N, C-alpha and C. Protein backbone atom coordinates (compact mmCIF):
# COMPACT_ATOMS: atom_id res chain seq x y z
N MET A 1 0.72 -1.21 -0.02
CA MET A 1 -0.22 0.06 0.05
C MET A 1 1.05 1.32 -0.12
N LYS A 2 0.60 2.12 -0.86
CA LYS A 2 1.52 3.32 -0.95
C LYS A 2 0.76 4.68 -0.26
N ASN A 3 1.42 5.41 0.38
CA ASN A 3 0.94 6.46 0.91
C ASN A 3 0.92 7.56 -0.13
N GLN A 4 -0.13 8.65 0.28
CA GLN A 4 -0.05 9.87 -0.50
C GLN A 4 0.52 10.91 0.09
N TYR A 5 0.98 11.78 -0.21
CA TYR A 5 1.91 12.77 -0.19
C TYR A 5 1.10 14.05 0.05
N VAL A 6 0.77 14.84 0.81
CA VAL A 6 0.22 16.19 0.74
C VAL A 6 0.73 17.25 1.37
N ILE A 7 0.59 18.58 0.91
CA ILE A 7 1.06 19.70 1.22
C ILE A 7 0.02 20.67 2.00
N ASP A 8 0.14 21.05 3.60
CA ASP A 8 -1.29 21.47 3.97
C ASP A 8 -0.41 23.02 3.80
N ARG A 9 -1.66 23.88 4.36
CA ARG A 9 -1.59 25.24 4.63
C ARG A 9 -0.42 25.92 5.43
N GLY A 10 0.36 24.64 6.17
CA GLY A 10 1.23 25.51 6.69
C GLY A 10 2.76 25.83 6.06
N CYS A 11 2.57 25.59 4.83
CA CYS A 11 3.69 25.81 3.82
C CYS A 11 4.11 27.29 3.67
N LYS A 12 5.56 27.45 3.91
CA LYS A 12 5.75 28.91 3.57
C LYS A 12 6.73 29.05 2.40
N PHE A 13 6.30 28.49 1.46
CA PHE A 13 7.13 28.29 0.00
C PHE A 13 8.37 28.50 0.14
N CYS A 14 9.12 27.80 0.50
CA CYS A 14 10.68 27.97 0.95
C CYS A 14 11.14 27.10 -0.30
N PHE A 15 10.25 26.14 -1.14
CA PHE A 15 10.81 25.21 -2.31
C PHE A 15 11.79 24.13 -1.98
N ASN A 16 11.81 23.94 -0.81
CA ASN A 16 13.02 22.87 -0.44
C ASN A 16 12.01 21.53 -1.29
N CYS A 17 10.74 21.23 -1.09
CA CYS A 17 10.18 20.15 -1.56
C CYS A 17 10.25 20.09 -3.03
N LYS A 18 10.30 21.30 -3.81
CA LYS A 18 9.93 20.98 -5.12
C LYS A 18 11.51 20.97 -5.65
N TRP A 19 12.63 21.21 -5.32
CA TRP A 19 14.16 21.33 -5.59
C TRP A 19 14.43 19.82 -5.17
N THR A 20 14.08 19.33 -4.35
CA THR A 20 14.12 17.71 -3.95
C THR A 20 13.70 16.67 -4.75
N CYS A 21 12.45 17.28 -5.27
CA CYS A 21 11.75 15.99 -5.65
C CYS A 21 12.26 15.52 -7.01
N PRO A 22 12.52 14.34 -7.30
CA PRO A 22 13.18 13.55 -8.40
C PRO A 22 12.34 13.69 -9.75
N ALA A 23 10.54 13.49 -9.34
CA ALA A 23 9.74 13.43 -10.45
C ALA A 23 9.15 14.80 -11.02
N ASP A 24 9.88 16.00 -9.94
CA ASP A 24 9.07 17.13 -10.38
C ASP A 24 7.76 17.27 -10.40
N ALA A 25 7.37 16.74 -8.90
CA ALA A 25 5.90 16.35 -9.09
C ALA A 25 5.40 17.51 -7.97
N ILE A 26 6.02 18.64 -7.68
CA ILE A 26 5.87 19.45 -6.91
C ILE A 26 5.29 20.66 -7.69
N VAL A 27 3.96 21.33 -7.71
CA VAL A 27 3.42 22.29 -8.71
C VAL A 27 2.73 23.47 -7.87
N VAL A 28 2.69 24.54 -8.33
CA VAL A 28 2.00 25.48 -7.32
C VAL A 28 0.72 25.90 -8.42
N VAL A 29 -0.51 25.76 -7.56
CA VAL A 29 -1.64 25.90 -8.29
C VAL A 29 -2.66 26.75 -7.38
N ASP A 30 -3.18 27.56 -7.70
CA ASP A 30 -3.92 28.69 -7.12
C ASP A 30 -3.40 28.82 -5.75
N ASP A 31 -1.87 29.76 -5.99
CA ASP A 31 -1.44 30.03 -5.24
C ASP A 31 -0.99 28.84 -3.71
N LEU A 32 -1.22 27.74 -3.92
CA LEU A 32 -0.95 26.72 -3.31
C LEU A 32 0.32 25.68 -3.76
N MET A 33 0.93 25.33 -2.73
CA MET A 33 2.07 24.27 -3.37
C MET A 33 0.98 22.85 -3.27
N GLN A 34 1.22 22.16 -4.14
CA GLN A 34 0.53 20.77 -4.35
C GLN A 34 1.37 19.84 -4.79
N ILE A 35 1.15 18.25 -4.47
CA ILE A 35 1.90 17.48 -5.32
C ILE A 35 0.97 16.67 -6.10
N ASP A 36 1.39 16.72 -7.46
CA ASP A 36 0.80 15.76 -8.54
C ASP A 36 0.77 14.38 -8.22
N GLN A 37 -0.27 13.77 -8.19
CA GLN A 37 -0.47 12.47 -7.29
C GLN A 37 0.19 11.77 -8.40
N GLU A 38 -0.12 12.04 -9.88
CA GLU A 38 0.42 11.09 -11.11
C GLU A 38 1.95 11.11 -11.42
N ARG A 39 2.67 12.02 -10.83
CA ARG A 39 3.92 12.23 -10.93
C ARG A 39 4.67 11.44 -9.72
N CYS A 40 4.24 11.86 -8.81
CA CYS A 40 4.84 11.31 -7.38
C CYS A 40 5.35 10.03 -7.63
N ARG A 41 6.73 9.37 -7.31
CA ARG A 41 7.13 8.46 -6.57
C ARG A 41 6.89 7.83 -5.37
N HIS A 42 6.50 8.60 -4.53
CA HIS A 42 6.30 8.18 -3.25
C HIS A 42 7.57 7.96 -2.28
N CYS A 43 8.64 8.66 -2.87
CA CYS A 43 10.08 8.57 -2.28
C CYS A 43 10.36 9.19 -0.81
N GLY A 44 9.44 10.24 -0.57
CA GLY A 44 9.56 10.79 0.87
C GLY A 44 10.19 11.98 0.81
N ARG A 45 11.05 12.31 -0.08
CA ARG A 45 12.00 13.25 -0.21
C ARG A 45 11.15 14.81 0.11
N CYS A 46 10.01 15.05 -0.70
CA CYS A 46 9.38 16.09 0.03
C CYS A 46 9.18 16.21 1.65
N TYR A 47 8.69 15.02 2.08
CA TYR A 47 8.58 14.87 3.35
C TYR A 47 9.58 15.24 4.26
N GLU A 48 10.89 14.47 4.09
CA GLU A 48 12.17 15.09 4.72
C GLU A 48 12.57 16.27 4.83
N ASN A 49 12.42 16.81 3.57
CA ASN A 49 13.12 18.04 3.30
C ASN A 49 12.44 19.36 3.67
N CYS A 50 11.07 19.22 4.21
CA CYS A 50 10.20 20.46 4.48
C CYS A 50 10.68 20.74 5.75
N PRO A 51 11.47 21.91 5.89
CA PRO A 51 11.68 22.70 7.61
C PRO A 51 10.36 23.15 8.30
N ASN A 52 9.20 23.03 7.69
CA ASN A 52 8.00 23.59 8.28
C ASN A 52 6.96 22.68 8.46
N GLU A 53 7.37 21.44 8.08
CA GLU A 53 6.54 19.92 8.56
C GLU A 53 5.13 20.55 7.76
N ALA A 54 5.03 20.96 6.89
CA ALA A 54 4.24 21.22 6.01
C ALA A 54 3.54 19.77 4.78
N VAL A 55 4.53 19.21 4.76
CA VAL A 55 4.01 17.73 3.99
C VAL A 55 3.65 16.74 4.92
N ARG A 56 2.16 16.37 4.67
CA ARG A 56 1.75 14.99 5.56
C ARG A 56 1.79 14.01 4.55
N ILE A 57 1.76 12.97 5.38
CA ILE A 57 1.96 11.10 4.78
C ILE A 57 0.07 10.75 4.99
N ILE A 58 -0.55 10.68 4.16
CA ILE A 58 -1.72 10.03 4.40
C ILE A 58 -1.68 8.53 3.60
N PRO A 59 -1.83 7.42 4.63
CA PRO A 59 -1.81 6.22 4.21
C PRO A 59 -3.15 6.11 3.31
N LEU A 60 -2.91 5.03 2.24
CA LEU A 60 -4.11 4.88 1.25
C LEU A 60 -5.48 4.70 2.05
N ALA A 61 -5.27 4.02 3.13
CA ALA A 61 -6.53 3.49 3.98
C ALA A 61 -7.45 4.51 4.22
N GLU A 62 -6.31 5.56 5.15
CA GLU A 62 -7.37 6.46 5.79
C GLU A 62 -7.66 7.44 4.92
N LYS A 63 -7.21 7.60 3.66
CA LYS A 63 -7.53 8.49 2.59
C LYS A 63 -8.95 8.07 2.17
N THR A 64 -9.01 6.63 1.86
CA THR A 64 -10.61 6.06 1.46
C THR A 64 -11.62 6.52 2.66
N THR A 65 -11.34 6.34 3.67
CA THR A 65 -12.10 6.43 4.91
C THR A 65 -12.67 7.78 5.07
N ALA A 66 -11.61 8.73 4.91
CA ALA A 66 -12.27 9.98 5.23
C ALA A 66 -12.81 10.57 4.23
N THR A 67 -12.54 9.92 2.58
CA THR A 67 -13.63 10.14 1.70
C THR A 67 -14.81 9.73 1.45
N THR A 68 -14.84 8.14 2.04
CA THR A 68 -16.12 7.75 1.98
C THR A 68 -16.88 7.88 3.05
N GLY A 69 -16.21 8.49 4.45
CA GLY A 69 -16.84 8.57 5.65
C GLY A 69 -17.40 7.39 6.23
N GLU A 70 -16.70 6.15 5.77
CA GLU A 70 -16.78 4.92 6.38
C GLU A 70 -16.15 4.87 7.64
N THR A 71 -16.41 4.11 8.63
CA THR A 71 -15.62 3.68 9.83
C THR A 71 -14.93 2.45 9.51
N HIS A 72 -13.75 2.01 9.70
CA HIS A 72 -13.29 0.43 9.56
C HIS A 72 -12.84 0.35 10.97
N THR A 73 -13.27 -0.95 11.55
CA THR A 73 -13.22 -1.54 12.79
C THR A 73 -12.53 -2.79 12.30
């Protein structure tokens, strides 16, 4: 199971994530830094290099639960 990486509003636009991403998956959309999930290789470099802890890791199962509203026990 792969994780999904997302950049939250704590981003200070230092561009460390963009400069270290080997897939060039970090983009600016509507004045927000975002990760292009189609290009992301799930290497974690964006997460490791963010000094503001603005990159979050969302396990695929958690994302599914959040989008469907279902609770898994």
